[in-house]
C-alpha atoms as a PDB file:
ATOM      1  CA  MET A   1      35.014  42.514 -50.462  1.00  0.00           C
ATOM      2  CA  ALA A   2      34.270  45.707 -48.581  1.00  0.00           C
ATOM      3  CA  LYS A   3      33.205  48.571 -50.842  1.00  0.00           C
ATOM      4  CA  ASP A   4      34.121  51.342 -48.438  1.00  0.00           C
ATOM      5  CA  VAL A   5      37.491  51.051 -46.722  1.00  0.00           C
ATOM      6  CA  LEU A   6      38.136  53.904 -44.298  1.00  0.00           C
ATOM      7  CA  CYS A   7      41.617  55.190 -43.507  1.00  0.00           C
ATOM      8  CA  GLU A   8      42.771  58.194 -41.482  1.00  0.00           C
ATOM      9  CA  VAL A   9      46.381  58.129 -42.753  1.00  0.00           C
ATOM     10  CA  ASN A  10      46.243  61.137 -45.064  1.00  0.00           C
ATOM     11  CA  SER A  11      49.971  60.885 -45.841  1.00  0.00           C
ATOM     12  CA  CYS A  12      49.211  57.788 -47.965  1.00  0.00           C
ATOM     13  CA  VAL A  13      48.925  58.054 -51.757  1.00  0.00           C
ATOM     14  CA  HIS A  14      45.705  55.960 -51.601  1.00  0.00           C
ATOM     15  CA  TRP A  15      43.968  58.305 -49.141  1.00  0.00           C
ATOM     16  CA  ALA A  16      40.916  60.135 -50.535  1.00  0.00           C
ATOM     17  CA  GLU A  17      38.490  62.711 -49.151  1.00  0.00           C
ATOM     18  CA  GLU A  18      36.225  61.601 -46.313  1.00  0.00           C
ATOM     19  CA  ASN A  19      38.951  59.175 -45.122  1.00  0.00           C
ATOM     20  CA  LYS A  20      38.340  56.707 -47.960  1.00  0.00           C
ATOM     21  CA  CYS A  21      41.026  54.338 -49.240  1.00  0.00           C
ATOM     22  CA  ASN A  22      41.061  54.253 -53.038  1.00  0.00           C
ATOM     23  CA  ALA A  23      43.616  51.427 -53.448  1.00  0.00           C
ATOM     24  CA  ASP A  24      42.638  48.600 -55.822  1.00  0.00           C
ATOM     25  CA  SER A  25      43.403  46.050 -53.106  1.00  0.00           C
ATOM     26  CA  ILE A  26      44.432  46.077 -49.444  1.00  0.00           C
ATOM     27  CA  TYR A  27      47.262  43.976 -47.948  1.00  0.00           C
ATOM     28  CA  ILE A  28      47.454  43.686 -44.153  1.00  0.00           C
ATOM     29  CA  VAL A  29      49.952  41.597 -42.188  1.00  0.00           C
ATOM     30  CA  SER A  30      50.490  40.536 -38.578  1.00  0.00           C
ATOM     31  CA  HIS A  31      53.487  41.897 -36.606  1.00  0.00           C
ATOM     32  CA  SER A  32      54.592  38.368 -35.682  1.00  0.00           C
ATOM     33  CA  SER A  33      54.152  34.747 -36.688  1.00  0.00           C
ATOM     34  CA  LYS A  34      51.465  34.487 -33.984  1.00  0.00           C
ATOM     35  CA  GLU A  35      47.846  35.065 -35.003  1.00  0.00           C
ATOM     36  CA  ALA A  36      46.771  38.685 -34.389  1.00  0.00           C
ATOM     37  CA  SER A  37      44.061  39.192 -31.780  1.00  0.00           C
ATOM     38  CA  LYS A  38      43.716  43.008 -32.000  1.00  0.00           C
ATOM     39  CA  SER A  39      44.205  45.657 -34.678  1.00  0.00           C
ATOM     40  CA  ALA A  40      47.315  47.081 -32.976  1.00  0.00           C
ATOM     41  CA  GLU A  41      49.090  43.821 -33.870  1.00  0.00           C
ATOM     42  CA  THR A  42      48.669  44.420 -37.621  1.00  0.00           C
ATOM     43  CA  ASP A  43      50.114  46.701 -40.313  1.00  0.00           C
ATOM     44  CA  CYS A  44      48.766  47.892 -43.662  1.00  0.00           C
ATOM     45  CA  LYS A  45      51.344  46.994 -46.315  1.00  0.00           C
ATOM     46  CA  THR A  46      49.283  48.864 -48.947  1.00  0.00           C
ATOM     47  CA  PHE A  47      50.523  52.179 -47.499  1.00  0.00           C
ATOM     48  CA  GLU A  48      52.632  54.306 -49.852  1.00  0.00           C
ATOM     49  CA  VAL A  49      53.783  57.752 -48.809  1.00  0.00           C
ATOM     50  CA  LYS A  50      52.483  60.647 -50.952  1.00  0.00           C
END
């Protein structure tokens, strides 16, 4: 598992200084049932608004 997960969404409760994500785990899903081929086709379900 990656030790340093970077995130620029500072409105998330898991956002920490230096754009670090401090969530215990990360959950990312595809926008559709088709396999994603670029990051724009995915969403972070770990996001929680501050």
